[in-house]
Amino acid sequence: MAEQSCLAANDWICGDYLRSRSQELTDATVQHIGITVVSVLIGLAVAFPLALLARRGRRFAGPVLGLTTVLYTVPSLAMFSLLLPLFGLSAALVVTGLVLYSLTILVRNILAGLEAVPLEAKDAARGMGYGPGRLLWEVELPLALPAVMAGLRIATVSTVALTTVGSLVGKGGLGNLIEDALPSFFKAQVLTASVLCVLLAVAADLLLLGLQRLLTPWTRISGAARPVPAKTDAGPPAPAKAEVG
């Protein structure tokens, strides 16, 4: 009886809501994940060539970075209004907006990662006969992965949050539930959808962090070999030599 009354009492935590709306929550979560994944993958595919273009010099870097920054500052309502004539009230409208918002993070991190590749590594690869394409894929990109993955994690978490804005056109995943619950202030629905959004963001970040550690094992070895203090009979252990860098 107490569980049935939580809906009537409009409690924040209500087990009856979870049981009665489980399918609705599942559908909204699946839509949220789908829009997020598609948006991030397309954003990564668009950002990579833009970062390569920006790397060619200031003549290209200025316009590319400037444009992606301007796109990021456009309010979501205005962005969707500008894209509406092209895509109509569809998931493509939301995905396109999210892709444009992700570019400023992805382009800058990919560019920073590529520019941080040591010149000695590139010179050594060229000396071994590596051409531009092979140098990029086999030397520069692997060494730039930590920065690229860091940008991908930020962009993914940001996209999980921004996907809720798609509720403006009925394609916001969990944001649809929040939007529907606000007029009547249905507490259980607002809280549940919000918590699921946070859990999705945390799960995505942890998943990408695990992938980053898997793809960049050398970053875990850098601190593994530490000098061991030498013991002497005359006193306490001698201090280890300070590491440079």
C-alpha atoms as a PDB file:
ATOM      1  CA  MET A   1       0.000   0.000   0.000  1.00  0.00           C
ATOM      2  CA  ALA A   2       2.878   2.331   0.830  1.00  0.00           C
ATOM      3  CA  GLU A   3       4.483   1.662  -2.555  1.00  0.00           C
ATOM      4  CA  GLN A   4       1.251   2.506  -4.365  1.00  0.00           C
ATOM      5  CA  SER A   5       0.845   5.769  -2.494  1.00  0.00           C
ATOM      6  CA  CYS A   6       4.235   7.186  -3.542  1.00  0.00           C
ATOM      7  CA  LEU A   7       2.860   8.098  -6.961  1.00  0.00           C
ATOM      8  CA  ALA A   8      -0.120   9.884  -5.460  1.00  0.00           C
ATOM      9  CA  ALA A   9       2.155  11.609  -2.951  1.00  0.00           C
ATOM     10  CA  ASN A  10       4.513  12.627  -5.787  1.00  0.00           C
ATOM     11  CA  ASP A  11       7.593  11.406  -3.924  1.00  0.00           C
ATOM     12  CA  TRP A  12      11.066  11.877  -5.403  1.00  0.00           C
ATOM     13  CA  ILE A  13      11.906   8.197  -4.942  1.00  0.00           C
ATOM     14  CA  CYS A  14       9.122   5.876  -6.015  1.00  0.00           C
ATOM     15  CA  GLY A  15       9.561   2.173  -6.694  1.00  0.00           C
ATOM     16  CA  ASP A  16       6.106   1.943  -8.224  1.00  0.00           C
ATOM     17  CA  TYR A  17       7.145   4.433 -10.894  1.00  0.00           C
ATOM     18  CA  LEU A  18      10.176   2.331 -11.842  1.00  0.00           C
ATOM     19  CA  ARG A  19       8.063  -0.792 -12.167  1.00  0.00           C
ATOM     20  CA  SER A  20       5.178   0.763 -14.062  1.00  0.00           C
ATOM     21  CA  ARG A  21       7.324   2.811 -16.460  1.00  0.00           C
ATOM     22  CA  SER A  22      10.225   0.413 -17.004  1.00  0.00           C
ATOM     23  CA  GLN A  23       9.626   0.079 -20.748  1.00  0.00           C
ATOM     24  CA  GLU A  24       9.361   3.838 -21.168  1.00  0.00           C
ATOM     25  CA  LEU A  25      12.623   4.326 -19.285  1.00  0.00           C
ATOM     26  CA  THR A  26      14.324   1.629 -21.358  1.00  0.00           C
ATOM     27  CA  ASP A  27      13.190   3.146 -24.666  1.00  0.00           C
ATOM     28  CA  ALA A  28      14.314   6.632 -23.629  1.00  0.00           C
ATOM     29  CA  THR A  29      17.703   5.333 -22.460  1.00  0.00           C
ATOM     30  CA  VAL A  30      18.275   3.396 -25.696  1.00  0.00           C
ATOM     31  CA  GLN A  31      17.406   6.469 -27.764  1.00  0.00           C
ATOM     32  CA  HIS A  32      19.727   8.597 -25.617  1.00  0.00           C
ATOM     33  CA  ILE A  33      22.626   6.189 -26.062  1.00  0.00           C
ATOM     34  CA  GLY A  34      22.011   5.866 -29.800  1.00  0.00           C
ATOM     35  CA  ILE A  35      21.959   9.618 -30.433  1.00  0.00           C
ATOM     36  CA  THR A  36      25.064  10.125 -28.286  1.00  0.00           C
ATOM     37  CA  VAL A  37      27.115   7.368 -29.948  1.00  0.00           C
ATOM     38  CA  VAL A  38      26.205   8.407 -33.494  1.00  0.00           C
ATOM     39  CA  SER A  39      26.912  12.080 -32.740  1.00  0.00           C
ATOM     40  CA  VAL A  40      30.327  11.411 -31.194  1.00  0.00           C
ATOM     41  CA  LEU A  41      31.426   9.039 -33.975  1.00  0.00           C
ATOM     42  CA  ILE A  42      30.402  11.465 -36.718  1.00  0.00           C
ATOM     43  CA  GLY A  43      31.997  14.324 -34.791  1.00  0.00           C
ATOM     44  CA  LEU A  44      35.264  12.385 -34.558  1.00  0.00           C
ATOM     45  CA  ALA A  45      35.152  11.595 -38.289  1.00  0.00           C
ATOM     46  CA  VAL A  46      34.647  15.286 -39.120  1.00  0.00           C
ATOM     47  CA  ALA A  47      37.111  16.621 -36.542  1.00  0.00           C
ATOM     48  CA  PHE A  48      40.060  14.493 -37.675  1.00  0.00           C
ATOM     49  CA  PRO A  49      40.445  15.975 -41.187  1.00  0.00           C
ATOM     50  CA  LEU A  50      39.767  19.450 -39.786  1.00  0.00           C
ATOM     51  CA  ALA A  51      42.611  18.983 -37.290  1.00  0.00           C
ATOM     52  CA  LEU A  52      44.916  17.817 -40.088  1.00  0.00           C
ATOM     53  CA  LEU A  53      43.958  20.900 -42.082  1.00  0.00           C
ATOM     54  CA  ALA A  54      44.574  23.186 -39.101  1.00  0.00           C
ATOM     55  CA  ARG A  55      48.004  21.615 -38.597  1.00  0.00           C
ATOM     56  CA  ARG A  56      49.162  22.816 -42.003  1.00  0.00           C
ATOM     57  CA  GLY A  57      49.754  26.340 -40.720  1.00  0.00           C
ATOM     58  CA  ARG A  58      48.242  29.436 -39.180  1.00  0.00           C
ATOM     59  CA  ARG A  59      46.477  30.277 -42.424  1.00  0.00           C
ATOM     60  CA  PHE A  60      44.272  27.227 -41.887  1.00  0.00           C
ATOM     61  CA  ALA A  61      44.374  26.934 -38.083  1.00  0.00           C
ATOM     62  CA  GLY A  62      42.822  30.338 -37.483  1.00  0.00           C
ATOM     63  CA  PRO A  63      39.645  29.799 -39.565  1.00  0.00           C
ATOM     64  CA  VAL A  64      39.176  26.177 -38.454  1.00  0.00           C
ATOM     65  CA  LEU A  65      39.566  26.844 -34.728  1.00  0.00           C
ATOM     66  CA  GLY A  66      37.629  30.080 -34.979  1.00  0.00           C
ATOM     67  CA  LEU A  67      34.692  28.465 -36.766  1.00  0.00           C
ATOM     68  CA  THR A  68      34.435  25.534 -34.357  1.00  0.00           C
ATOM     69  CA  THR A  69      34.589  27.921 -31.396  1.00  0.00           C
ATOM     70  CA  VAL A  70      31.830  30.110 -32.824  1.00  0.00           C
ATOM     71  CA  LEU A  71      29.638  27.050 -33.419  1.00  0.00           C
ATOM     72  CA  TYR A  72      30.101  26.006 -29.787  1.00  0.00           C
ATOM     73  CA  THR A  73      28.857  29.388 -28.549  1.00  0.00           C
ATOM     74  CA  VAL A  74      25.589  29.256 -30.518  1.00  0.00           C
ATOM     75  CA  PRO A  75      22.665  28.576 -28.124  1.00  0.00           C
ATOM     76  CA  SER A  76      21.054  25.189 -28.681  1.00  0.00           C
ATOM     77  CA  LEU A  77      17.631  26.697 -29.381  1.00  0.00           C
ATOM     78  CA  ALA A  78      19.114  28.920 -32.080  1.00  0.00           C
ATOM     79  CA  MET A  79      21.163  26.046 -33.496  1.00  0.00           C
ATOM     80  CA  PHE A  80      18.143  23.799 -33.851  1.00  0.00           C
ATOM     81  CA  SER A  81      16.127  26.647 -35.386  1.00  0.00           C
ATOM     82  CA  LEU A  82      18.817  27.200 -38.025  1.00  0.00           C
ATOM     83  CA  LEU A  83      19.008  23.480 -38.841  1.00  0.00           C
ATOM     84  CA  LEU A  84      15.246  22.897 -38.793  1.00  0.00           C
ATOM     85  CA  PRO A  85      14.628  23.836 -42.475  1.00  0.00           C
ATOM     86  CA  LEU A  86      17.281  21.306 -43.538  1.00  0.00           C
ATOM     87  CA  PHE A  87      16.380  18.313 -41.374  1.00  0.00           C
ATOM     88  CA  GLY A  88      12.875  18.913 -40.069  1.00  0.00           C
ATOM     89  CA  LEU A  89      11.751  17.473 -36.717  1.00  0.00           C
ATOM     90  CA  SER A  90      13.986  14.408 -36.875  1.00  0.00           C
ATOM     91  CA  ALA A  91      16.817  12.713 -35.020  1.00  0.00           C
ATOM     92  CA  ALA A  92      19.154  13.971 -37.765  1.00  0.00           C
ATOM     93  CA  LEU A  93      18.475  17.515 -36.558  1.00  0.00           C
ATOM     94  CA  VAL A  94      19.637  16.656 -33.039  1.00  0.00           C
ATOM     95  CA  VAL A  95      22.626  14.620 -34.224  1.00  0.00           C
ATOM     96  CA  THR A  96      23.841  17.407 -36.529  1.00  0.00           C
ATOM     97  CA  GLY A  97      23.627  19.959 -33.741  1.00  0.00           C
ATOM     98  CA  LEU A  98      25.527  17.703 -31.344  1.00  0.00           C
ATOM     99  CA  VAL A  99      28.200  17.009 -33.969  1.00  0.00           C
ATOM    100  CA  LEU A 100      28.764  20.735 -34.457  1.00  0.00           C
ATOM    101  CA  TYR A 101      29.034  21.276 -30.705  1.00  0.00           C
ATOM    102  CA  SER A 102      31.594  18.466 -30.333  1.00  0.00           C
ATOM    103  CA  LEU A 103      33.973  19.828 -32.974  1.00  0.00           C
ATOM    104  CA  THR A 104      35.623  22.513 -30.868  1.00  0.00           C
ATOM    105  CA  ILE A 105      36.685  19.939 -28.234  1.00  0.00           C
ATOM    106  CA  LEU A 106      37.701  17.193 -30.640  1.00  0.00           C
ATOM    107  CA  VAL A 107      39.575  19.369 -33.144  1.00  0.00           C
ATOM    108  CA  ARG A 108      41.611  21.130 -30.469  1.00  0.00           C
ATOM    109  CA  ASN A 109      42.588  17.916 -28.687  1.00  0.00           C
ATOM    110  CA  ILE A 110      43.507  16.067 -31.872  1.00  0.00           C
ATOM    111  CA  LEU A 111      45.571  19.052 -33.001  1.00  0.00           C
ATOM    112  CA  ALA A 112      47.270  19.364 -29.604  1.00  0.00           C
ATOM    113  CA  GLY A 113      48.091  15.656 -29.591  1.00  0.00           C
ATOM    114  CA  LEU A 114      49.610  15.718 -33.075  1.00  0.00           C
ATOM    115  CA  GLU A 115      51.653  18.832 -32.348  1.00  0.00           C
ATOM    116  CA  ALA A 116      53.011  17.279 -29.136  1.00  0.00           C
ATOM    117  CA  VAL A 117      54.632  14.367 -31.000  1.00  0.00           C
ATOM    118  CA  PRO A 118      58.420  14.696 -30.463  1.00  0.00           C
ATOM    119  CA  LEU A 119      60.304  15.960 -33.498  1.00  0.00           C
ATOM    120  CA  GLU A 120      62.952  13.288 -32.902  1.00  0.00           C
ATOM    121  CA  ALA A 121      60.368  10.540 -33.378  1.00  0.00           C
ATOM    122  CA  LYS A 122      59.191  12.026 -36.663  1.00  0.00           C
ATOM    123  CA  ASP A 123      62.746  12.554 -37.930  1.00  0.00           C
ATOM    124  CA  ALA A 124      63.655   8.972 -37.061  1.00  0.00           C
ATOM    125  CA  ALA A 125      60.606   7.660 -38.921  1.00  0.00           C
ATOM    126  CA  ARG A 126      61.420   9.763 -41.993  1.00  0.00           C
ATOM    127  CA  GLY A 127      64.978   8.459 -41.850  1.00  0.00           C
ATOM    128  CA  MET A 128      63.565   4.921 -42.001  1.00  0.00           C
ATOM    129  CA  GLY A 129      61.680   5.783 -45.174  1.00  0.00           C
ATOM    130  CA  TYR A 130      58.241   6.541 -43.756  1.00  0.00           C
ATOM    131  CA  GLY A 131      56.068   8.628 -46.063  1.00  0.00           C
ATOM    132  CA  PRO A 132      53.553  11.234 -44.810  1.00  0.00           C
ATOM    133  CA  GLY A 133      50.651   8.781 -44.616  1.00  0.00           C
ATOM    134  CA  ARG A 134      52.575   6.029 -42.873  1.00  0.00           C
ATOM    135  CA  LEU A 135      54.188   8.565 -40.545  1.00  0.00           C
ATOM    136  CA  LEU A 136      50.750   9.842 -39.523  1.00  0.00           C
ATOM    137  CA  TRP A 137      49.100   6.459 -38.919  1.00  0.00           C
ATOM    138  CA  GLU A 138      52.015   4.501 -37.452  1.00  0.00           C
ATOM    139  CA  VAL A 139      53.930   7.159 -35.505  1.00  0.00           C
ATOM    140  CA  GLU A 140      52.074  10.434 -34.926  1.00  0.00           C
ATOM    141  CA  LEU A 141      48.572   9.154 -34.261  1.00  0.00           C
ATOM    142  CA  PRO A 142      49.620   6.443 -31.740  1.00  0.00           C
ATOM    143  CA  LEU A 143      51.714   8.985 -29.814  1.00  0.00           C
ATOM    144  CA  ALA A 144      48.841  11.496 -29.932  1.00  0.00           C
ATOM    145  CA  LEU A 145      46.300   8.977 -28.595  1.00  0.00           C
ATOM    146  CA  PRO A 146      46.359  10.164 -24.943  1.00  0.00           C
ATOM    147  CA  ALA A 147      45.341  13.685 -25.968  1.00  0.00           C
ATOM    148  CA  VAL A 148      42.842  12.399 -28.545  1.00  0.00           C
ATOM    149  CA  MET A 149      41.208  10.071 -26.032  1.00  0.00           C
ATOM    150  CA  ALA A 150      41.058  12.835 -23.429  1.00  0.00           C
ATOM    151  CA  GLY A 151      39.182  15.022 -25.908  1.00  0.00           C
ATOM    152  CA  LEU A 152      36.911  12.133 -26.847  1.00  0.00           C
ATOM    153  CA  ARG A 153      36.012  11.563 -23.203  1.00  0.00           C
ATOM    154  CA  ILE A 154      35.143  15.223 -22.668  1.00  0.00           C
ATOM    155  CA  ALA A 155      33.137  15.377 -25.892  1.00  0.00           C
ATOM    156  CA  THR A 156      31.227  12.196 -25.016  1.00  0.00           C
ATOM    157  CA  VAL A 157      30.262  13.335 -21.518  1.00  0.00           C
ATOM    158  CA  SER A 158      29.259  16.727 -22.913  1.00  0.00           C
ATOM    159  CA  THR A 159      27.167  15.085 -25.622  1.00  0.00           C
ATOM    160  CA  VAL A 160      25.370  12.886 -23.094  1.00  0.00           C
ATOM    161  CA  ALA A 161      24.261  16.047 -21.305  1.00  0.00           C
ATOM    162  CA  LEU A 162      23.420  18.006 -24.466  1.00  0.00           C
ATOM    163  CA  THR A 163      21.338  15.183 -25.912  1.00  0.00           C
ATOM    164  CA  THR A 164      18.599  16.102 -23.455  1.00  0.00           C
ATOM    165  CA  VAL A 165      18.143  19.373 -25.353  1.00  0.00           C
ATOM    166  CA  GLY A 166      16.797  17.290 -28.229  1.00  0.00           C
ATOM    167  CA  SER A 167      13.556  17.093 -26.247  1.00  0.00           C
ATOM    168  CA  LEU A 168      12.729  20.408 -27.925  1.00  0.00           C
ATOM    169  CA  VAL A 169      11.927  18.373 -31.048  1.00  0.00           C
ATOM    170  CA  GLY A 170      10.921  15.164 -29.271  1.00  0.00           C
ATOM    171  CA  LYS A 171      14.272  13.423 -29.877  1.00  0.00           C
ATOM    172  CA  GLY A 172      16.040  13.945 -26.577  1.00  0.00           C
ATOM    173  CA  GLY A 173      16.106  10.469 -25.085  1.00  0.00           C
ATOM    174  CA  LEU A 174      15.907  10.886 -21.325  1.00  0.00           C
ATOM    175  CA  GLY A 175      15.394  14.589 -21.889  1.00  0.00           C
ATOM    176  CA  ASN A 176      11.939  13.774 -23.249  1.00  0.00           C
ATOM    177  CA  LEU A 177      10.963  12.345 -19.868  1.00  0.00           C
ATOM    178  CA  ILE A 178      12.238  15.425 -18.058  1.00  0.00           C
ATOM    179  CA  GLU A 179      10.402  17.706 -20.478  1.00  0.00           C
ATOM    180  CA  ASP A 180       7.141  15.777 -20.055  1.00  0.00           C
ATOM    181  CA  ALA A 181       7.412  15.771 -16.263  1.00  0.00           C
ATOM    182  CA  LEU A 182       8.112  19.474 -15.754  1.00  0.00           C
ATOM    183  CA  PRO A 183       4.593  20.901 -16.335  1.00  0.00           C
ATOM    184  CA  SER A 184       3.146  18.734 -13.532  1.00  0.00           C
ATOM    185  CA  PHE A 185       6.478  18.555 -11.674  1.00  0.00           C
ATOM    186  CA  PHE A 186       6.397  14.767 -11.592  1.00  0.00           C
ATOM    187  CA  LYS A 187       9.284  14.340  -9.125  1.00  0.00           C
ATOM    188  CA  ALA A 188       9.966  10.632  -9.590  1.00  0.00           C
ATOM    189  CA  GLN A 189      10.241  10.986 -13.368  1.00  0.00           C
ATOM    190  CA  VAL A 190      12.479  14.071 -13.193  1.00  0.00           C
ATOM    191  CA  LEU A 191      14.815  12.460 -10.665  1.00  0.00           C
ATOM    192  CA  THR A 192      14.974   9.073 -12.398  1.00  0.00           C
ATOM    193  CA  ALA A 193      15.712  10.533 -15.834  1.00  0.00           C
ATOM    194  CA  SER A 194      18.317  12.888 -14.383  1.00  0.00           C
ATOM    195  CA  VAL A 195      20.066  10.112 -12.463  1.00  0.00           C
ATOM    196  CA  LEU A 196      20.097   7.889 -15.543  1.00  0.00           C
ATOM    197  CA  CYS A 197      21.722  10.736 -17.511  1.00  0.00           C
ATOM    198  CA  VAL A 198      24.457  11.061 -14.912  1.00  0.00           C
ATOM    199  CA  LEU A 199      25.002   7.292 -14.839  1.00  0.00           C
ATOM    200  CA  LEU A 200      25.279   7.202 -18.636  1.00  0.00           C
ATOM    201  CA  ALA A 201      27.897   9.971 -18.565  1.00  0.00           C
ATOM    202  CA  VAL A 202      29.925   8.226 -15.837  1.00  0.00           C
ATOM    203  CA  ALA A 203      29.688   4.842 -17.567  1.00  0.00           C
ATOM    204  CA  ALA A 204      30.771   6.327 -20.916  1.00  0.00           C
ATOM    205  CA  ASP A 205      33.722   8.102 -19.304  1.00  0.00           C
ATOM    206  CA  LEU A 206      34.878   4.953 -17.500  1.00  0.00           C
ATOM    207  CA  LEU A 207      34.494   2.883 -20.658  1.00  0.00           C
ATOM    208  CA  LEU A 208      36.594   5.327 -22.685  1.00  0.00           C
ATOM    209  CA  LEU A 209      39.151   5.552 -19.874  1.00  0.00           C
ATOM    210  CA  GLY A 210      39.512   1.775 -19.973  1.00  0.00           C
ATOM    211  CA  LEU A 211      39.870   1.885 -23.755  1.00  0.00           C
ATOM    212  CA  GLN A 212      42.499   4.604 -23.427  1.00  0.00           C
ATOM    213  CA  ARG A 213      44.526   2.523 -20.974  1.00  0.00           C
ATOM    214  CA  LEU A 214      44.229  -0.468 -23.296  1.00  0.00           C
ATOM    215  CA  LEU A 215      45.397   1.475 -26.353  1.00  0.00           C
ATOM    216  CA  THR A 216      48.215   3.354 -24.578  1.00  0.00           C
ATOM    217  CA  PRO A 217      49.953   0.833 -22.302  1.00  0.00           C
ATOM    218  CA  TRP A 218      53.189   2.826 -22.364  1.00  0.00           C
ATOM    219  CA  THR A 219      51.586   5.615 -20.303  1.00  0.00           C
ATOM    220  CA  ARG A 220      51.274   3.181 -17.372  1.00  0.00           C
ATOM    221  CA  ILE A 221      54.939   2.210 -17.528  1.00  0.00           C
ATOM    222  CA  SER A 222      56.411   5.714 -17.216  1.00  0.00           C
ATOM    223  CA  GLY A 223      56.289   5.663 -13.426  1.00  0.00           C
ATOM    224  CA  ALA A 224      56.948   1.964 -12.957  1.00  0.00           C
ATOM    225  CA  ALA A 225      60.752   2.105 -12.860  1.00  0.00           C
ATOM    226  CA  ARG A 226      61.782   4.282  -9.939  1.00  0.00           C
ATOM    227  CA  PRO A 227      65.305   4.453  -8.448  1.00  0.00           C
ATOM    228  CA  VAL A 228      65.541   2.533  -5.153  1.00  0.00           C
ATOM    229  CA  PRO A 229      67.182   4.426  -2.264  1.00  0.00           C
ATOM    230  CA  ALA A 230      70.629   3.033  -1.467  1.00  0.00           C
ATOM    231  CA  LYS A 231      71.034   1.941   2.162  1.00  0.00           C
ATOM    232  CA  THR A 232      74.218   2.729   4.022  1.00  0.00           C
ATOM    233  CA  ASP A 233      75.527   1.622   7.406  1.00  0.00           C
ATOM    234  CA  ALA A 234      76.221   5.184   8.482  1.00  0.00           C
ATOM    235  CA  GLY A 235      72.686   6.524   8.439  1.00  0.00           C
ATOM    236  CA  PRO A 236      69.324   6.647   6.726  1.00  0.00           C
ATOM    237  CA  PRO A 237      68.854   5.726   3.090  1.00  0.00           C
ATOM    238  CA  ALA A 238      70.452   8.078   0.607  1.00  0.00           C
ATOM    239  CA  PRO A 239      67.859  10.112  -1.324  1.00  0.00           C
ATOM    240  CA  ALA A 240      67.106   8.993  -4.856  1.00  0.00           C
ATOM    241  CA  LYS A 241      68.277  11.134  -7.709  1.00  0.00           C
ATOM    242  CA  ALA A 242      65.670  13.644  -8.708  1.00  0.00           C
ATOM    243  CA  GLU A 243      63.913  12.785 -11.940  1.00  0.00           C
ATOM    244  CA  VAL A 244      63.965  15.302 -14.731  1.00  0.00           C
ATOM    245  CA  GLY A 245      60.573  15.958 -16.308  1.00  0.00           C
END
